[in-house]
Amino acid sequence: MAFRGVLRPEADIARRVREVVGQDVFISSTFDPHGNEDDTFSEICDMAFREIFPPLRHALAGQRARECWSRYSRKFQTNA
């Protein structure tokens, strides 16, 4: 994603979402192979997934992200 005057649009969106939902809510995102996530984005979000052409497979990308979160949260809860 690219916008004039916005150096890191993905990180900017993630930062705004984080401000709304707070630190206790997990944030994840899916990117196609040309995704522009960087360290700034990674510091804000909890997980990022790379999918082959997610605009046409958004339901599958969301399902995979949800399954990963489910496995992660079960592991986190048993280790707490």
PDB file of N, CA and C in Angstrom:
ATOM      1  N   MET A   1       0.852  -1.152   0.000  1.00  0.00           N
ATOM      2  CA  MET A   1       0.000   0.000   0.000  1.00  0.00           C
ATOM      3  C   MET A   1       0.910   1.229   0.000  1.00  0.00           C
ATOM      4  N   ALA A   2       0.525   2.242  -0.731  1.00  0.00           N
ATOM      5  CA  ALA A   2       1.339   3.448  -0.789  1.00  0.00           C
ATOM      6  C   ALA A   2       0.436   4.679  -0.858  1.00  0.00           C
ATOM      7  N   PHE A   3       0.818   5.691  -0.094  1.00  0.00           N
ATOM      8  CA  PHE A   3       0.111   6.962  -0.089  1.00  0.00           C
ATOM      9  C   PHE A   3       1.124   8.084  -0.040  1.00  0.00           C
ATOM     10  N   ARG A   4       0.849   9.143  -0.736  1.00  0.00           N
ATOM     11  CA  ARG A   4       1.740  10.300  -0.665  1.00  0.00           C
ATOM     12  C   ARG A   4       1.717  10.873   0.737  1.00  0.00           C
ATOM     13  N   GLY A   5       2.891  11.136   1.252  1.00  0.00           N
ATOM     14  CA  GLY A   5       3.005  11.764   2.564  1.00  0.00           C
ATOM     15  C   GLY A   5       2.877  10.809   3.745  1.00  0.00           C
ATOM     16  N   VAL A   6       2.654   9.519   3.460  1.00  0.00           N
ATOM     17  CA  VAL A   6       2.565   8.531   4.545  1.00  0.00           C
ATOM     18  C   VAL A   6       3.683   7.525   4.328  1.00  0.00           C
ATOM     19  N   LEU A   7       4.677   7.548   5.203  1.00  0.00           N
ATOM     20  CA  LEU A   7       5.856   6.709   5.020  1.00  0.00           C
ATOM     21  C   LEU A   7       5.538   5.225   5.188  1.00  0.00           C
ATOM     22  N   ARG A   8       4.753   4.883   6.213  1.00  0.00           N
ATOM     23  CA  ARG A   8       4.429   3.481   6.504  1.00  0.00           C
ATOM     24  C   ARG A   8       2.919   3.340   6.727  1.00  0.00           C
ATOM     25  N   PRO A   9       2.125   3.249   5.662  1.00  0.00           N
ATOM     26  CA  PRO A   9       0.674   3.224   5.839  1.00  0.00           C
ATOM     27  C   PRO A   9       0.173   2.031   6.644  1.00  0.00           C
ATOM     28  N   GLU A  10       0.766   0.846   6.459  1.00  0.00           N
ATOM     29  CA  GLU A  10       0.321  -0.311   7.222  1.00  0.00           C
ATOM     30  C   GLU A  10       0.555  -0.100   8.712  1.00  0.00           C
ATOM     31  N   ALA A  11       1.728   0.402   9.052  1.00  0.00           N
ATOM     32  CA  ALA A  11       2.047   0.662  10.455  1.00  0.00           C
ATOM     33  C   ALA A  11       1.163   1.768  11.018  1.00  0.00           C
ATOM     34  N   ASP A  12       0.846   2.761  10.214  1.00  0.00           N
ATOM     35  CA  ASP A  12      -0.026   3.849  10.668  1.00  0.00           C
ATOM     36  C   ASP A  12      -1.426   3.320  10.986  1.00  0.00           C
ATOM     37  N   ILE A  13      -1.964   2.468  10.112  1.00  0.00           N
ATOM     38  CA  ILE A  13      -3.276   1.869  10.374  1.00  0.00           C
ATOM     39  C   ILE A  13      -3.215   1.010  11.619  1.00  0.00           C
ATOM     40  N   ALA A  14      -2.184   0.185  11.739  1.00  0.00           N
ATOM     41  CA  ALA A  14      -2.038  -0.681  12.918  1.00  0.00           C
ATOM     42  C   ALA A  14      -1.935   0.149  14.197  1.00  0.00           C
ATOM     43  N   ARG A  15      -1.207   1.242  14.149  1.00  0.00           N
ATOM     44  CA  ARG A  15      -1.058   2.105  15.322  1.00  0.00           C
ATOM     45  C   ARG A  15      -2.412   2.688  15.735  1.00  0.00           C
ATOM     46  N   ARG A  16      -3.200   3.102  14.761  1.00  0.00           N
ATOM     47  CA  ARG A  16      -4.522   3.669  15.058  1.00  0.00           C
ATOM     48  C   ARG A  16      -5.462   2.611  15.632  1.00  0.00           C
ATOM     49  N   VAL A  17      -5.403   1.406  15.095  1.00  0.00           N
ATOM     50  CA  VAL A  17      -6.217   0.314  15.643  1.00  0.00           C
ATOM     51  C   VAL A  17      -5.791   0.023  17.071  1.00  0.00           C
ATOM     52  N   ARG A  18      -4.484  -0.037  17.308  1.00  0.00           N
ATOM     53  CA  ARG A  18      -3.958  -0.317  18.654  1.00  0.00           C
ATOM     54  C   ARG A  18      -4.436   0.744  19.641  1.00  0.00           C
ATOM     55  N   GLU A  19      -4.461   2.002  19.233  1.00  0.00           N
ATOM     56  CA  GLU A  19      -4.938   3.075  20.114  1.00  0.00           C
ATOM     57  C   GLU A  19      -6.394   2.866  20.517  1.00  0.00           C
ATOM     58  N   VAL A  20      -7.189   2.310  19.611  1.00  0.00           N
ATOM     59  CA  VAL A  20      -8.608   2.087  19.896  1.00  0.00           C
ATOM     60  C   VAL A  20      -8.819   0.862  20.770  1.00  0.00           C
ATOM     61  N   VAL A  21      -8.167  -0.251  20.441  1.00  0.00           N
ATOM     62  CA  VAL A  21      -8.453  -1.515  21.132  1.00  0.00           C
ATOM     63  C   VAL A  21      -7.582  -1.740  22.367  1.00  0.00           C
ATOM     64  N   GLY A  22      -6.457  -1.040  22.475  1.00  0.00           N
ATOM     65  CA  GLY A  22      -5.576  -1.209  23.627  1.00  0.00           C
ATOM     66  C   GLY A  22      -4.611  -2.375  23.470  1.00  0.00           C
ATOM     67  N   GLN A  23      -3.828  -2.609  24.512  1.00  0.00           N
ATOM     68  CA  GLN A  23      -2.775  -3.625  24.482  1.00  0.00           C
ATOM     69  C   GLN A  23      -3.279  -5.041  24.748  1.00  0.00           C
ATOM     70  N   ASP A  24      -4.473  -5.183  25.301  1.00  0.00           N
ATOM     71  CA  ASP A  24      -4.969  -6.509  25.671  1.00  0.00           C
ATOM     72  C   ASP A  24      -5.629  -7.259  24.521  1.00  0.00           C
ATOM     73  N   VAL A  25      -5.784  -6.616  23.376  1.00  0.00           N
ATOM     74  CA  VAL A  25      -6.406  -7.246  22.210  1.00  0.00           C
ATOM     75  C   VAL A  25      -5.307  -7.586  21.207  1.00  0.00           C
ATOM     76  N   PHE A  26      -5.318  -8.829  20.711  1.00  0.00           N
ATOM     77  CA  PHE A  26      -4.345  -9.244  19.711  1.00  0.00           C
ATOM     78  C   PHE A  26      -4.710  -8.662  18.358  1.00  0.00           C
ATOM     79  N   ILE A  27      -3.711  -8.210  17.639  1.00  0.00           N
ATOM     80  CA  ILE A  27      -3.900  -7.687  16.291  1.00  0.00           C
ATOM     81  C   ILE A  27      -3.048  -8.518  15.347  1.00  0.00           C
ATOM     82  N   SER A  28      -3.667  -8.996  14.270  1.00  0.00           N
ATOM     83  CA  SER A  28      -2.917  -9.708  13.234  1.00  0.00           C
ATOM     84  C   SER A  28      -3.332  -9.166  11.877  1.00  0.00           C
ATOM     85  N   SER A  29      -2.519  -9.454  10.889  1.00  0.00           N
ATOM     86  CA  SER A  29      -2.798  -8.981   9.541  1.00  0.00           C
ATOM     87  C   SER A  29      -2.285 -10.003   8.553  1.00  0.00           C
ATOM     88  N   THR A  30      -2.859 -10.000   7.357  1.00  0.00           N
ATOM     89  CA  THR A  30      -2.355 -10.844   6.282  1.00  0.00           C
ATOM     90  C   THR A  30      -1.828  -9.952   5.165  1.00  0.00           C
ATOM     91  N   PHE A  31      -0.760 -10.392   4.557  1.00  0.00           N
ATOM     92  CA  PHE A  31      -0.128  -9.666   3.455  1.00  0.00           C
ATOM     93  C   PHE A  31       0.077 -10.615   2.293  1.00  0.00           C
ATOM     94  N   ASP A  32       0.081 -10.075   1.079  1.00  0.00           N
ATOM     95  CA  ASP A  32       0.476 -10.894  -0.058  1.00  0.00           C
ATOM     96  C   ASP A  32       2.008 -10.923  -0.088  1.00  0.00           C
ATOM     97  N   PRO A  33       2.612 -11.681  -0.990  1.00  0.00           N
ATOM     98  CA  PRO A  33       4.079 -11.784  -0.996  1.00  0.00           C
ATOM     99  C   PRO A  33       4.806 -10.457  -1.162  1.00  0.00           C
ATOM    100  N   HIS A  34       4.112  -9.431  -1.630  1.00  0.00           N
ATOM    101  CA  HIS A  34       4.733  -8.121  -1.797  1.00  0.00           C
ATOM    102  C   HIS A  34       4.362  -7.170  -0.669  1.00  0.00           C
ATOM    103  N   GLY A  35       3.893  -7.711   0.435  1.00  0.00           N
ATOM    104  CA  GLY A  35       3.487  -6.889   1.573  1.00  0.00           C
ATOM    105  C   GLY A  35       4.635  -6.032   2.082  1.00  0.00           C
ATOM    106  N   ASN A  36       4.278  -4.904   2.639  1.00  0.00           N
ATOM    107  CA  ASN A  36       5.288  -3.936   3.049  1.00  0.00           C
ATOM    108  C   ASN A  36       5.428  -3.827   4.556  1.00  0.00           C
ATOM    109  N   GLU A  37       5.149  -4.902   5.267  1.00  0.00           N
ATOM    110  CA  GLU A  37       5.314  -4.804   6.712  1.00  0.00           C
ATOM    111  C   GLU A  37       6.796  -4.634   7.040  1.00  0.00           C
ATOM    112  N   ASP A  38       7.066  -3.937   8.113  1.00  0.00           N
ATOM    113  CA  ASP A  38       8.437  -3.664   8.513  1.00  0.00           C
ATOM    114  C   ASP A  38       8.527  -3.749  10.029  1.00  0.00           C
ATOM    115  N   ASP A  39       9.658  -3.352  10.584  1.00  0.00           N
ATOM    116  CA  ASP A  39       9.851  -3.427  12.036  1.00  0.00           C
ATOM    117  C   ASP A  39       8.838  -2.570  12.786  1.00  0.00           C
ATOM    118  N   THR A  40       8.496  -1.416  12.245  1.00  0.00           N
ATOM    119  CA  THR A  40       7.519  -0.551  12.898  1.00  0.00           C
ATOM    120  C   THR A  40       6.182  -1.263  13.006  1.00  0.00           C
ATOM    121  N   PHE A  41       5.748  -1.897  11.928  1.00  0.00           N
ATOM    122  CA  PHE A  41       4.494  -2.654  11.943  1.00  0.00           C
ATOM    123  C   PHE A  41       4.598  -3.809  12.942  1.00  0.00           C
ATOM    124  N   SER A  42       5.710  -4.516  12.915  1.00  0.00           N
ATOM    125  CA  SER A  42       5.888  -5.673  13.798  1.00  0.00           C
ATOM    126  C   SER A  42       5.870  -5.299  15.273  1.00  0.00           C
ATOM    127  N   GLU A  43       6.324  -4.118  15.607  1.00  0.00           N
ATOM    128  CA  GLU A  43       6.307  -3.673  16.998  1.00  0.00           C
ATOM    129  C   GLU A  43       4.895  -3.376  17.483  1.00  0.00           C
ATOM    130  N   ILE A  44       3.985  -3.057  16.577  1.00  0.00           N
ATOM    131  CA  ILE A  44       2.617  -2.695  16.938  1.00  0.00           C
ATOM    132  C   ILE A  44       1.710  -3.921  16.954  1.00  0.00           C
ATOM    133  N   CYS A  45       1.829  -4.766  15.940  1.00  0.00           N
ATOM    134  CA  CYS A  45       0.950  -5.931  15.804  1.00  0.00           C
ATOM    135  C   CYS A  45       1.561  -7.153  16.474  1.00  0.00           C
ATOM    136  N   ASP A  46       0.701  -8.101  16.755  1.00  0.00           N
ATOM    137  CA  ASP A  46       1.148  -9.318  17.411  1.00  0.00           C
ATOM    138  C   ASP A  46       1.567 -10.398  16.419  1.00  0.00           C
ATOM    139  N   MET A  47       0.884 -10.479  15.289  1.00  0.00           N
ATOM    140  CA  MET A  47       1.210 -11.477  14.274  1.00  0.00           C
ATOM    141  C   MET A  47       0.930 -10.923  12.890  1.00  0.00           C
ATOM    142  N   ALA A  48       1.710 -11.398  11.925  1.00  0.00           N
ATOM    143  CA  ALA A  48       1.466 -11.077  10.526  1.00  0.00           C
ATOM    144  C   ALA A  48       1.608 -12.366   9.731  1.00  0.00           C
ATOM    145  N   PHE A  49       0.736 -12.541   8.767  1.00  0.00           N
ATOM    146  CA  PHE A  49       0.733 -13.736   7.942  1.00  0.00           C
ATOM    147  C   PHE A  49       0.959 -13.338   6.494  1.00  0.00           C
ATOM    148  N   ARG A  50       1.642 -14.186   5.777  1.00  0.00           N
ATOM    149  CA  ARG A  50       1.872 -13.961   4.357  1.00  0.00           C
ATOM    150  C   ARG A  50       1.049 -15.002   3.598  1.00  0.00           C
ATOM    151  N   GLU A  51       0.205 -14.542   2.712  1.00  0.00           N
ATOM    152  CA  GLU A  51      -0.665 -15.409   1.924  1.00  0.00           C
ATOM    153  C   GLU A  51      -0.446 -15.125   0.443  1.00  0.00           C
ATOM    154  N   ILE A  52      -0.667 -16.135  -0.365  1.00  0.00           N
ATOM    155  CA  ILE A  52      -0.605 -15.936  -1.806  1.00  0.00           C
ATOM    156  C   ILE A  52      -1.908 -15.274  -2.247  1.00  0.00           C
ATOM    157  N   PHE A  53      -1.831 -14.067  -2.683  1.00  0.00           N
ATOM    158  CA  PHE A  53      -2.933 -13.266  -3.205  1.00  0.00           C
ATOM    159  C   PHE A  53      -4.164 -13.279  -2.291  1.00  0.00           C
ATOM    160  N   PRO A  54      -4.041 -12.737  -1.081  1.00  0.00           N
ATOM    161  CA  PRO A  54      -5.164 -12.744  -0.145  1.00  0.00           C
ATOM    162  C   PRO A  54      -6.418 -12.006  -0.596  1.00  0.00           C
ATOM    163  N   PRO A  55      -6.348 -11.016  -1.532  1.00  0.00           N
ATOM    164  CA  PRO A  55      -7.618 -10.383  -1.927  1.00  0.00           C
ATOM    165  C   PRO A  55      -8.635 -11.372  -2.509  1.00  0.00           C
ATOM    166  N   LEU A  56      -8.164 -12.408  -3.176  1.00  0.00           N
ATOM    167  CA  LEU A  56      -9.088 -13.397  -3.726  1.00  0.00           C
ATOM    168  C   LEU A  56      -9.325 -14.557  -2.763  1.00  0.00           C
ATOM    169  N   ARG A  57      -8.502 -14.665  -1.745  1.00  0.00           N
ATOM    170  CA  ARG A  57      -8.622 -15.770  -0.801  1.00  0.00           C
ATOM    171  C   ARG A  57      -8.778 -15.244   0.619  1.00  0.00           C
ATOM    172  N   HIS A  58      -9.445 -14.115   0.777  1.00  0.00           N
ATOM    173  CA  HIS A  58      -9.502 -13.473   2.084  1.00  0.00           C
ATOM    174  C   HIS A  58     -10.176 -14.342   3.135  1.00  0.00           C
ATOM    175  N   ALA A  59     -11.163 -15.126   2.753  1.00  0.00           N
ATOM    176  CA  ALA A  59     -11.825 -15.993   3.737  1.00  0.00           C
ATOM    177  C   ALA A  59     -10.847 -17.052   4.244  1.00  0.00           C
ATOM    178  N   LEU A  60     -10.077 -17.644   3.340  1.00  0.00           N
ATOM    179  CA  LEU A  60      -9.100 -18.645   3.740  1.00  0.00           C
ATOM    180  C   LEU A  60      -7.988 -18.023   4.577  1.00  0.00           C
ATOM    181  N   ALA A  61      -7.525 -16.831   4.191  1.00  0.00           N
ATOM    182  CA  ALA A  61      -6.485 -16.150   4.960  1.00  0.00           C
ATOM    183  C   ALA A  61      -6.978 -15.850   6.371  1.00  0.00           C
ATOM    184  N   GLY A  62      -8.215 -15.381   6.493  1.00  0.00           N
ATOM    185  CA  GLY A  62      -8.784 -15.108   7.812  1.00  0.00           C
ATOM    186  C   GLY A  62      -8.932 -16.365   8.638  1.00  0.00           C
ATOM    187  N   GLN A  63      -9.345 -17.448   7.996  1.00  0.00           N
ATOM    188  CA  GLN A  63      -9.492 -18.721   8.708  1.00  0.00           C
ATOM    189  C   GLN A  63      -8.149 -19.204   9.229  1.00  0.00           C
ATOM    190  N   ARG A  64      -7.119 -19.121   8.418  1.00  0.00           N
ATOM    191  CA  ARG A  64      -5.779 -19.544   8.862  1.00  0.00           C
ATOM    192  C   ARG A  64      -5.285 -18.680  10.017  1.00  0.00           C
ATOM    193  N   ALA A  65      -5.510 -17.395   9.936  1.00  0.00           N
ATOM    194  CA  ALA A  65      -5.100 -16.505  11.025  1.00  0.00           C
ATOM    195  C   ALA A  65      -5.863 -16.846  12.296  1.00  0.00           C
ATOM    196  N   ARG A  66      -7.144 -17.098  12.176  1.00  0.00           N
ATOM    197  CA  ARG A  66      -7.973 -17.445  13.335  1.00  0.00           C
ATOM    198  C   ARG A  66      -7.505 -18.764  13.968  1.00  0.00           C
ATOM    199  N   GLU A  67      -7.197 -19.763  13.136  1.00  0.00           N
ATOM    200  CA  GLU A  67      -6.719 -21.044  13.652  1.00  0.00           C
ATOM    201  C   GLU A  67      -5.376 -20.886  14.367  1.00  0.00           C
ATOM    202  N   CYS A  68      -4.513 -20.068  13.810  1.00  0.00           N
ATOM    203  CA  CYS A  68      -3.220 -19.825  14.449  1.00  0.00           C
ATOM    204  C   CYS A  68      -3.412 -19.151  15.794  1.00  0.00           C
ATOM    205  N   TRP A  69      -4.279 -18.143  15.850  1.00  0.00           N
ATOM    206  CA  TRP A  69      -4.559 -17.470  17.116  1.00  0.00           C
ATOM    207  C   TRP A  69      -5.153 -18.425  18.132  1.00  0.00           C
ATOM    208  N   SER A  70      -6.010 -19.318  17.660  1.00  0.00           N
ATOM    209  CA  SER A  70      -6.631 -20.278  18.559  1.00  0.00           C
ATOM    210  C   SER A  70      -5.568 -21.186  19.184  1.00  0.00           C
ATOM    211  N   ARG A  71      -4.661 -21.694  18.361  1.00  0.00           N
ATOM    212  CA  ARG A  71      -3.571 -22.540  18.886  1.00  0.00           C
ATOM    213  C   ARG A  71      -2.687 -21.742  19.838  1.00  0.00           C
ATOM    214  N   TYR A  72      -2.357 -20.522  19.465  1.00  0.00           N
ATOM    215  CA  TYR A  72      -1.506 -19.683  20.300  1.00  0.00           C
ATOM    216  C   TYR A  72      -2.165 -19.382  21.638  1.00  0.00           C
ATOM    217  N   SER A  73      -3.432 -19.025  21.602  1.00  0.00           N
ATOM    218  CA  SER A  73      -4.108 -18.652  22.850  1.00  0.00           C
ATOM    219  C   SER A  73      -4.252 -19.850  23.776  1.00  0.00           C
ATOM    220  N   ARG A  74      -4.507 -21.040  23.239  1.00  0.00           N
ATOM    221  CA  ARG A  74      -4.573 -22.241  24.097  1.00  0.00           C
ATOM    222  C   ARG A  74      -3.222 -22.493  24.756  1.00  0.00           C
ATOM    223  N   LYS A  75      -2.157 -22.355  23.990  1.00  0.00           N
ATOM    224  CA  LYS A  75      -0.820 -22.556  24.548  1.00  0.00           C
ATOM    225  C   LYS A  75      -0.521 -21.505  25.608  1.00  0.00           C
ATOM    226  N   PHE A  76      -0.888 -20.268  25.339  1.00  0.00           N
ATOM    227  CA  PHE A  76      -0.647 -19.177  26.280  1.00  0.00           C
ATOM    228  C   PHE A  76      -1.419 -19.419  27.565  1.00  0.00           C
ATOM    229  N   GLN A  77      -2.672 -19.851  27.451  1.00  0.00           N
ATOM    230  CA  GLN A  77      -3.520 -20.058  28.636  1.00  0.00           C
ATOM    231  C   GLN A  77      -3.000 -21.226  29.486  1.00  0.00           C
ATOM    232  N   THR A  78      -2.461 -22.265  28.862  1.00  0.00           N
ATOM    233  CA  THR A  78      -1.970 -23.396  29.650  1.00  0.00           C
ATOM    234  C   THR A  78      -0.633 -23.080  30.311  1.00  0.00           C
ATOM    235  N   ASN A  79       0.113 -22.109  29.756  1.00  0.00           N
ATOM    236  CA  ASN A  79       1.392 -21.736  30.339  1.00  0.00           C
ATOM    237  C   ASN A  79       1.258 -20.634  31.379  1.00  0.00           C
ATOM    238  N   ALA A  80       0.090 -20.060  31.531  1.00  0.00           N
ATOM    239  CA  ALA A  80      -0.099 -18.936  32.459  1.00  0.00           C
ATOM    240  C   ALA A  80      -0.175 -19.411  33.894  1.00  0.00           C
TER     241      ALA A  80
END
